């Protein structure tokens, strides 16, 4: 069983959309962690059964995740309007998990080469990448 950790903040929309697309994968345990209770609540509405809120769950669950996914800000301290702490960003960055980061152009961060496509297309691309990782591991 592969462990997929989805992290999101603010309203949790990206995490929810991603979780919805991954629920049909076999052999995957999906856990969502919101940086706030609204984000967690939103992601839980996707149908996942495991969720938590806050910095410490990010730190703890990053240790043994096989895949960590979310907006690119999850690896940058003080991003997402300050919701990502240094400790949380460091835990994600240092994790041995494969990371699938969605290039959202916020927090004054731009990813060279990232195409200007819809959020739905970015989520689809992330879900496909995660499915490839899980199937080929």
N, C-alpha and C. Protein backbone atom coordinates (compact mmCIF):
# COMPACT_ATOMS: atom_id res chain seq x y z
N UNK A 1 0.85 -1.18 0.00
CA UNK A 1 0.00 0.00 0.00
C UNK A 1 0.89 1.24 0.00
N UNK A 2 0.71 2.10 -0.99
CA UNK A 2 1.47 3.35 -1.10
C UNK A 2 0.75 4.44 -0.33
N UNK A 3 1.51 5.22 0.40
CA UNK A 3 0.95 6.32 1.19
C UNK A 3 1.11 7.63 0.44
N UNK A 4 -0.03 8.26 0.11
CA UNK A 4 -0.03 9.55 -0.57
C UNK A 4 -0.52 10.59 0.42
N UNK A 5 0.28 11.63 0.62
CA UNK A 5 -0.05 12.73 1.52
C UNK A 5 -0.32 13.97 0.68
N UNK A 6 -1.52 14.51 0.83
CA UNK A 6 -1.88 15.74 0.13
C UNK A 6 -1.94 16.85 1.16
N UNK A 7 -1.22 17.93 0.90
CA UNK A 7 -1.16 19.07 1.81
C UNK A 7 -1.70 20.30 1.09
N UNK A 8 -2.57 21.04 1.76
CA UNK A 8 -3.08 22.28 1.18
C UNK A 8 -3.44 23.24 2.30
N UNK A 9 -3.59 24.50 1.95
CA UNK A 9 -3.93 25.53 2.91
C UNK A 9 -5.10 26.35 2.43
N UNK A 10 -5.27 27.51 3.03
CA UNK A 10 -6.34 28.44 2.71
C UNK A 10 -7.66 27.70 2.60
N UNK A 11 -8.29 27.60 1.44
CA UNK A 11 -9.59 26.94 1.33
C UNK A 11 -9.54 25.47 0.99
N UNK A 12 -8.36 24.93 0.70
CA UNK A 12 -8.20 23.52 0.43
C UNK A 12 -8.71 23.05 -0.93
N UNK A 13 -8.99 23.97 -1.82
CA UNK A 13 -9.57 23.62 -3.12
C UNK A 13 -8.66 22.73 -3.96
N UNK A 14 -7.39 23.07 -4.02
CA UNK A 14 -6.44 22.28 -4.82
C UNK A 14 -6.35 20.87 -4.27
N UNK A 15 -6.19 20.75 -2.97
CA UNK A 15 -6.09 19.44 -2.33
C UNK A 15 -7.34 18.61 -2.52
N UNK A 16 -8.49 19.24 -2.45
CA UNK A 16 -9.76 18.52 -2.64
C UNK A 16 -9.85 17.99 -4.06
N UNK A 17 -9.55 18.83 -5.04
CA UNK A 17 -9.62 18.41 -6.44
C UNK A 17 -8.66 17.25 -6.71
N UNK A 18 -7.47 17.33 -6.15
CA UNK A 18 -6.49 16.28 -6.36
C UNK A 18 -6.93 14.98 -5.69
N UNK A 19 -7.41 15.07 -4.47
CA UNK A 19 -7.88 13.88 -3.76
C UNK A 19 -9.01 13.19 -4.52
N UNK A 20 -9.93 13.97 -5.06
CA UNK A 20 -11.05 13.40 -5.83
C UNK A 20 -10.54 12.59 -7.01
N UNK A 21 -9.49 13.07 -7.66
CA UNK A 21 -8.96 12.38 -8.84
C UNK A 21 -8.16 11.13 -8.47
N UNK A 22 -7.67 11.07 -7.23
CA UNK A 22 -6.84 9.93 -6.82
C UNK A 22 -7.61 8.82 -6.13
N UNK A 23 -8.84 9.08 -5.74
CA UNK A 23 -9.60 8.09 -4.98
C UNK A 23 -9.78 6.77 -5.71
N UNK A 24 -9.75 6.78 -7.02
CA UNK A 24 -9.97 5.55 -7.78
C UNK A 24 -8.71 4.70 -7.93
N UNK A 25 -7.57 5.20 -7.48
CA UNK A 25 -6.33 4.42 -7.57
C UNK A 25 -6.36 3.25 -6.60
N UNK A 26 -5.96 2.08 -7.08
CA UNK A 26 -5.87 0.90 -6.22
C UNK A 26 -4.53 0.89 -5.49
N UNK A 27 -4.52 0.34 -4.27
CA UNK A 27 -3.28 0.20 -3.52
C UNK A 27 -2.72 1.49 -2.99
N UNK A 28 -3.59 2.47 -2.77
CA UNK A 28 -3.15 3.79 -2.31
C UNK A 28 -3.94 4.19 -1.06
N UNK A 29 -3.21 4.65 -0.07
CA UNK A 29 -3.83 5.21 1.14
C UNK A 29 -3.63 6.73 1.07
N UNK A 30 -4.71 7.47 0.95
CA UNK A 30 -4.63 8.92 0.82
C UNK A 30 -4.93 9.56 2.16
N UNK A 31 -4.03 10.45 2.57
CA UNK A 31 -4.24 11.25 3.78
C UNK A 31 -4.13 12.71 3.37
N UNK A 32 -5.04 13.53 3.88
CA UNK A 32 -4.98 14.97 3.61
C UNK A 32 -4.63 15.71 4.88
N UNK A 33 -3.84 16.76 4.73
CA UNK A 33 -3.52 17.63 5.85
C UNK A 33 -3.72 19.07 5.41
N UNK A 34 -4.57 19.76 6.13
CA UNK A 34 -4.79 21.17 5.87
C UNK A 34 -3.99 22.00 6.85
N UNK A 35 -3.56 23.16 6.41
CA UNK A 35 -2.85 24.05 7.32
C UNK A 35 -3.83 24.76 8.25
N UNK A 36 -5.12 24.64 7.93
CA UNK A 36 -6.17 25.21 8.78
C UNK A 36 -7.39 24.29 8.68
N UNK A 37 -8.33 24.46 9.58
CA UNK A 37 -9.47 23.55 9.63
C UNK A 37 -10.38 23.66 8.41
N UNK A 38 -10.46 24.84 7.80
CA UNK A 38 -11.29 25.01 6.60
C UNK A 38 -10.71 24.17 5.46
N UNK A 39 -9.39 24.24 5.27
CA UNK A 39 -8.74 23.46 4.22
C UNK A 39 -8.94 21.96 4.46
N UNK A 40 -8.77 21.52 5.68
CA UNK A 40 -8.95 20.11 6.00
C UNK A 40 -10.38 19.68 5.73
N UNK A 41 -11.33 20.46 6.19
CA UNK A 41 -12.75 20.14 6.00
C UNK A 41 -13.08 20.03 4.51
N UNK A 42 -12.58 20.95 3.73
CA UNK A 42 -12.83 20.93 2.28
C UNK A 42 -12.26 19.67 1.66
N UNK A 43 -11.02 19.33 2.01
CA UNK A 43 -10.39 18.14 1.42
C UNK A 43 -11.09 16.86 1.86
N UNK A 44 -11.59 16.83 3.08
CA UNK A 44 -12.31 15.64 3.56
C UNK A 44 -13.59 15.41 2.78
N UNK A 45 -14.16 16.46 2.23
CA UNK A 45 -15.38 16.32 1.43
C UNK A 45 -15.13 15.59 0.11
N UNK A 46 -13.88 15.36 -0.22
CA UNK A 46 -13.54 14.62 -1.44
C UNK A 46 -13.89 13.14 -1.30
N UNK A 47 -14.03 12.68 -0.06
CA UNK A 47 -14.32 11.28 0.18
C UNK A 47 -13.19 10.51 0.84
N UNK A 48 -12.05 11.16 1.07
CA UNK A 48 -10.96 10.48 1.78
C UNK A 48 -11.40 10.23 3.22
N UNK A 49 -10.76 9.28 3.86
CA UNK A 49 -11.16 8.93 5.23
C UNK A 49 -10.14 9.33 6.29
N UNK A 50 -8.98 9.81 5.85
CA UNK A 50 -7.94 10.22 6.82
C UNK A 50 -7.56 11.67 6.60
N UNK A 51 -7.64 12.45 7.66
CA UNK A 51 -7.27 13.85 7.55
C UNK A 51 -6.85 14.42 8.88
N UNK A 52 -6.05 15.46 8.82
CA UNK A 52 -5.57 16.14 10.02
C UNK A 52 -5.32 17.60 9.67
N UNK A 53 -5.07 18.38 10.70
CA UNK A 53 -4.87 19.82 10.53
C UNK A 53 -3.62 20.28 11.27
N UNK A 54 -2.81 21.10 10.61
CA UNK A 54 -1.73 21.80 11.29
C UNK A 54 -0.33 21.36 10.94
N UNK A 55 0.60 22.09 11.56
CA UNK A 55 2.01 21.87 11.31
C UNK A 55 2.50 20.49 11.73
N UNK A 56 2.15 20.05 12.92
CA UNK A 56 2.69 18.79 13.41
C UNK A 56 2.28 17.59 12.56
N UNK A 57 1.03 17.49 12.11
CA UNK A 57 0.71 16.38 11.21
C UNK A 57 1.51 16.42 9.90
N UNK A 58 1.80 17.61 9.40
CA UNK A 58 2.64 17.70 8.20
C UNK A 58 4.01 17.10 8.50
N UNK A 59 4.59 17.48 9.62
CA UNK A 59 5.92 16.99 10.00
C UNK A 59 5.90 15.48 10.19
N UNK A 60 4.95 14.97 10.95
CA UNK A 60 4.90 13.55 11.28
C UNK A 60 4.60 12.70 10.04
N UNK A 61 3.60 13.09 9.28
CA UNK A 61 3.19 12.27 8.13
C UNK A 61 4.16 12.35 6.96
N UNK A 62 4.95 13.41 6.87
CA UNK A 62 5.96 13.51 5.81
C UNK A 62 7.05 12.48 5.97
N UNK A 63 7.25 11.99 7.19
CA UNK A 63 8.33 11.04 7.46
C UNK A 63 8.18 9.73 6.70
N UNK A 64 6.95 9.23 6.59
CA UNK A 64 6.80 7.92 5.96
C UNK A 64 5.88 7.91 4.74
N UNK A 65 5.61 9.07 4.19
CA UNK A 65 4.81 9.13 2.96
C UNK A 65 5.65 8.65 1.79
N UNK A 66 4.99 8.02 0.84
CA UNK A 66 5.66 7.62 -0.40
C UNK A 66 5.60 8.74 -1.43
N UNK A 67 4.49 9.49 -1.40
CA UNK A 67 4.29 10.62 -2.30
C UNK A 67 3.68 11.76 -1.49
N UNK A 68 4.20 12.97 -1.68
CA UNK A 68 3.63 14.17 -1.08
C UNK A 68 3.23 15.09 -2.23
N UNK A 69 1.98 15.58 -2.17
CA UNK A 69 1.49 16.43 -3.25
C UNK A 69 0.79 17.65 -2.70
N UNK A 70 0.82 18.72 -3.49
CA UNK A 70 0.14 19.95 -3.12
C UNK A 70 0.68 21.11 -3.91
N UNK A 71 0.20 22.30 -3.62
CA UNK A 71 0.72 23.49 -4.29
C UNK A 71 2.22 23.65 -3.99
N UNK A 72 2.94 24.27 -4.89
CA UNK A 72 4.38 24.43 -4.73
C UNK A 72 4.74 25.11 -3.41
N UNK A 73 3.86 25.90 -2.87
CA UNK A 73 4.12 26.60 -1.62
C UNK A 73 4.37 25.71 -0.42
N UNK A 74 4.04 24.42 -0.51
CA UNK A 74 4.24 23.55 0.65
C UNK A 74 5.72 23.31 0.95
N UNK A 75 6.60 23.73 0.05
CA UNK A 75 8.03 23.58 0.32
C UNK A 75 8.70 24.94 0.59
N UNK A 76 7.90 25.98 0.76
CA UNK A 76 8.45 27.32 0.97
C UNK A 76 7.91 27.93 2.27
N UNK A 77 8.80 28.17 3.20
CA UNK A 77 8.40 28.77 4.47
C UNK A 77 7.70 30.10 4.25
N UNK A 78 6.68 30.32 5.02
CA UNK A 78 5.89 31.56 5.04
C UNK A 78 5.00 31.74 3.81
N UNK A 79 4.88 30.73 2.97
CA UNK A 79 4.00 30.86 1.81
C UNK A 79 2.55 30.62 2.24
N UNK A 80 1.65 30.74 1.30
CA UNK A 80 0.22 30.58 1.55
C UNK A 80 -0.25 31.52 2.65
N UNK A 81 0.11 32.77 2.48
CA UNK A 81 -0.24 33.82 3.46
C UNK A 81 0.29 33.51 4.86
N UNK A 82 1.44 32.85 4.91
CA UNK A 82 2.07 32.54 6.19
C UNK A 82 1.63 31.23 6.81
N UNK A 83 0.79 30.46 6.14
CA UNK A 83 0.28 29.21 6.71
C UNK A 83 1.32 28.10 6.72
N UNK A 84 2.32 28.17 5.86
CA UNK A 84 3.36 27.14 5.83
C UNK A 84 4.53 27.62 6.67
N UNK A 85 4.75 26.94 7.79
CA UNK A 85 5.83 27.32 8.69
C UNK A 85 7.16 26.78 8.18
N UNK A 86 8.23 27.29 8.73
CA UNK A 86 9.56 26.79 8.37
C UNK A 86 9.66 25.30 8.65
N UNK A 87 9.14 24.88 9.79
CA UNK A 87 9.20 23.47 10.19
C UNK A 87 8.43 22.59 9.21
N UNK A 88 7.25 23.02 8.78
CA UNK A 88 6.45 22.24 7.84
C UNK A 88 7.13 22.17 6.47
N UNK A 89 7.60 23.31 5.96
CA UNK A 89 8.27 23.33 4.66
C UNK A 89 9.52 22.46 4.69
N UNK A 90 10.26 22.52 5.76
CA UNK A 90 11.47 21.73 5.89
C UNK A 90 11.14 20.23 5.93
N UNK A 91 10.10 19.87 6.63
CA UNK A 91 9.71 18.46 6.72
C UNK A 91 9.35 17.90 5.35
N UNK A 92 8.62 18.68 4.57
CA UNK A 92 8.24 18.23 3.23
C UNK A 92 9.48 18.14 2.35
N UNK A 93 10.30 19.17 2.37
CA UNK A 93 11.49 19.20 1.52
C UNK A 93 12.47 18.08 1.86
N UNK A 94 12.60 17.75 3.13
CA UNK A 94 13.55 16.73 3.57
C UNK A 94 13.01 15.31 3.47
N UNK A 95 11.73 15.17 3.27
CA UNK A 95 11.13 13.84 3.19
C UNK A 95 11.71 13.07 2.00
N UNK A 96 11.84 11.78 2.18
CA UNK A 96 12.30 10.92 1.10
C UNK A 96 11.21 10.61 0.09
N UNK A 97 10.02 11.12 0.31
CA UNK A 97 8.89 10.89 -0.59
C UNK A 97 9.11 11.57 -1.93
N UNK A 98 8.50 11.01 -2.96
CA UNK A 98 8.42 11.70 -4.24
C UNK A 98 7.50 12.90 -4.01
N UNK A 99 7.85 14.05 -4.57
CA UNK A 99 7.01 15.24 -4.42
C UNK A 99 6.41 15.61 -5.76
N UNK A 100 5.11 15.86 -5.74
CA UNK A 100 4.41 16.33 -6.93
C UNK A 100 3.83 17.68 -6.56
N UNK A 101 4.46 18.73 -7.08
CA UNK A 101 4.11 20.09 -6.72
C UNK A 101 3.35 20.77 -7.85
N UNK A 102 2.27 21.39 -7.52
CA UNK A 102 1.43 22.06 -8.50
C UNK A 102 1.87 23.52 -8.59
N UNK A 103 2.30 23.97 -9.77
CA UNK A 103 2.88 25.30 -9.91
C UNK A 103 1.82 26.42 -9.95
N UNK A 104 1.43 26.84 -8.78
CA UNK A 104 0.48 27.95 -8.67
C UNK A 104 1.30 29.23 -8.52
N UNK A 105 1.05 30.22 -9.36
CA UNK A 105 1.84 31.44 -9.37
C UNK A 105 1.34 32.43 -8.32
N UNK A 106 1.57 32.08 -7.08
CA UNK A 106 1.23 32.97 -5.98
C UNK A 106 2.46 33.07 -5.08
N UNK A 107 2.41 33.90 -4.09
CA UNK A 107 3.52 34.07 -3.16
C UNK A 107 4.78 34.53 -3.88
N UNK A 108 4.62 35.32 -4.92
CA UNK A 108 5.74 35.85 -5.69
C UNK A 108 6.68 34.76 -6.18
N UNK A 109 6.15 33.59 -6.50
CA UNK A 109 6.96 32.48 -6.99
C UNK A 109 6.44 32.05 -8.35
N UNK A 110 7.34 32.02 -9.31
CA UNK A 110 6.99 31.62 -10.66
C UNK A 110 7.92 30.50 -11.06
N UNK A 111 7.41 29.50 -11.73
CA UNK A 111 8.20 28.36 -12.15
C UNK A 111 8.47 28.49 -13.63
N UNK A 112 9.73 28.65 -13.98
CA UNK A 112 10.09 28.77 -15.39
C UNK A 112 9.68 27.52 -16.14
N UNK A 113 9.10 27.72 -17.29
CA UNK A 113 8.67 26.59 -18.10
C UNK A 113 7.27 26.10 -17.81
N UNK A 114 6.70 26.50 -16.68
CA UNK A 114 5.33 26.09 -16.36
C UNK A 114 4.38 26.82 -17.29
N UNK A 115 3.52 26.07 -17.90
CA UNK A 115 2.59 26.65 -18.86
C UNK A 115 1.41 27.29 -18.15
N UNK A 116 0.85 28.30 -18.76
CA UNK A 116 -0.31 28.97 -18.22
C UNK A 116 -1.55 28.18 -18.62
N UNK A 117 -1.91 27.20 -17.80
CA UNK A 117 -3.06 26.36 -18.07
C UNK A 117 -4.03 26.45 -16.91
N UNK A 118 -5.19 25.91 -17.08
CA UNK A 118 -6.21 25.97 -16.04
C UNK A 118 -5.80 25.13 -14.83
N UNK A 119 -6.39 25.46 -13.69
CA UNK A 119 -6.13 24.70 -12.47
C UNK A 119 -6.55 23.24 -12.67
N UNK A 120 -7.66 23.01 -13.34
CA UNK A 120 -8.11 21.64 -13.58
C UNK A 120 -7.07 20.86 -14.37
N UNK A 121 -6.45 21.48 -15.37
CA UNK A 121 -5.43 20.80 -16.16
C UNK A 121 -4.19 20.51 -15.31
N UNK A 122 -3.83 21.43 -14.43
CA UNK A 122 -2.70 21.20 -13.53
C UNK A 122 -2.98 20.03 -12.59
N UNK A 123 -4.20 19.99 -12.06
CA UNK A 123 -4.59 18.91 -11.14
C UNK A 123 -4.58 17.58 -11.89
N UNK A 124 -5.10 17.56 -13.11
CA UNK A 124 -5.09 16.32 -13.91
C UNK A 124 -3.66 15.84 -14.14
N UNK A 125 -2.77 16.77 -14.46
CA UNK A 125 -1.37 16.42 -14.68
C UNK A 125 -0.73 15.85 -13.41
N UNK A 126 -1.01 16.48 -12.27
CA UNK A 126 -0.48 16.00 -10.99
C UNK A 126 -1.02 14.61 -10.67
N UNK A 127 -2.31 14.39 -10.89
CA UNK A 127 -2.91 13.09 -10.62
C UNK A 127 -2.30 12.01 -11.50
N UNK A 128 -2.05 12.33 -12.77
CA UNK A 128 -1.42 11.38 -13.68
C UNK A 128 -0.01 11.03 -13.21
N UNK A 129 0.74 12.04 -12.77
CA UNK A 129 2.10 11.81 -12.30
C UNK A 129 2.10 10.91 -11.06
N UNK A 130 1.18 11.18 -10.14
CA UNK A 130 1.10 10.36 -8.93
C UNK A 130 0.73 8.92 -9.29
N UNK A 131 -0.23 8.75 -10.20
CA UNK A 131 -0.61 7.40 -10.63
C UNK A 131 0.60 6.67 -11.23
N UNK A 132 1.40 7.37 -12.03
CA UNK A 132 2.61 6.76 -12.61
C UNK A 132 3.59 6.36 -11.52
N UNK A 133 3.78 7.21 -10.54
CA UNK A 133 4.71 6.91 -9.44
C UNK A 133 4.25 5.67 -8.68
N UNK A 134 2.96 5.63 -8.37
CA UNK A 134 2.42 4.52 -7.59
C UNK A 134 2.50 3.20 -8.37
N UNK A 135 2.20 3.24 -9.65
CA UNK A 135 2.19 2.03 -10.46
C UNK A 135 3.60 1.53 -10.76
N UNK A 136 4.57 2.42 -10.86
CA UNK A 136 5.92 2.04 -11.25
C UNK A 136 6.88 1.87 -10.08
N UNK A 137 6.37 1.97 -8.89
CA UNK A 137 7.26 1.87 -7.72
C UNK A 137 7.49 0.43 -7.30
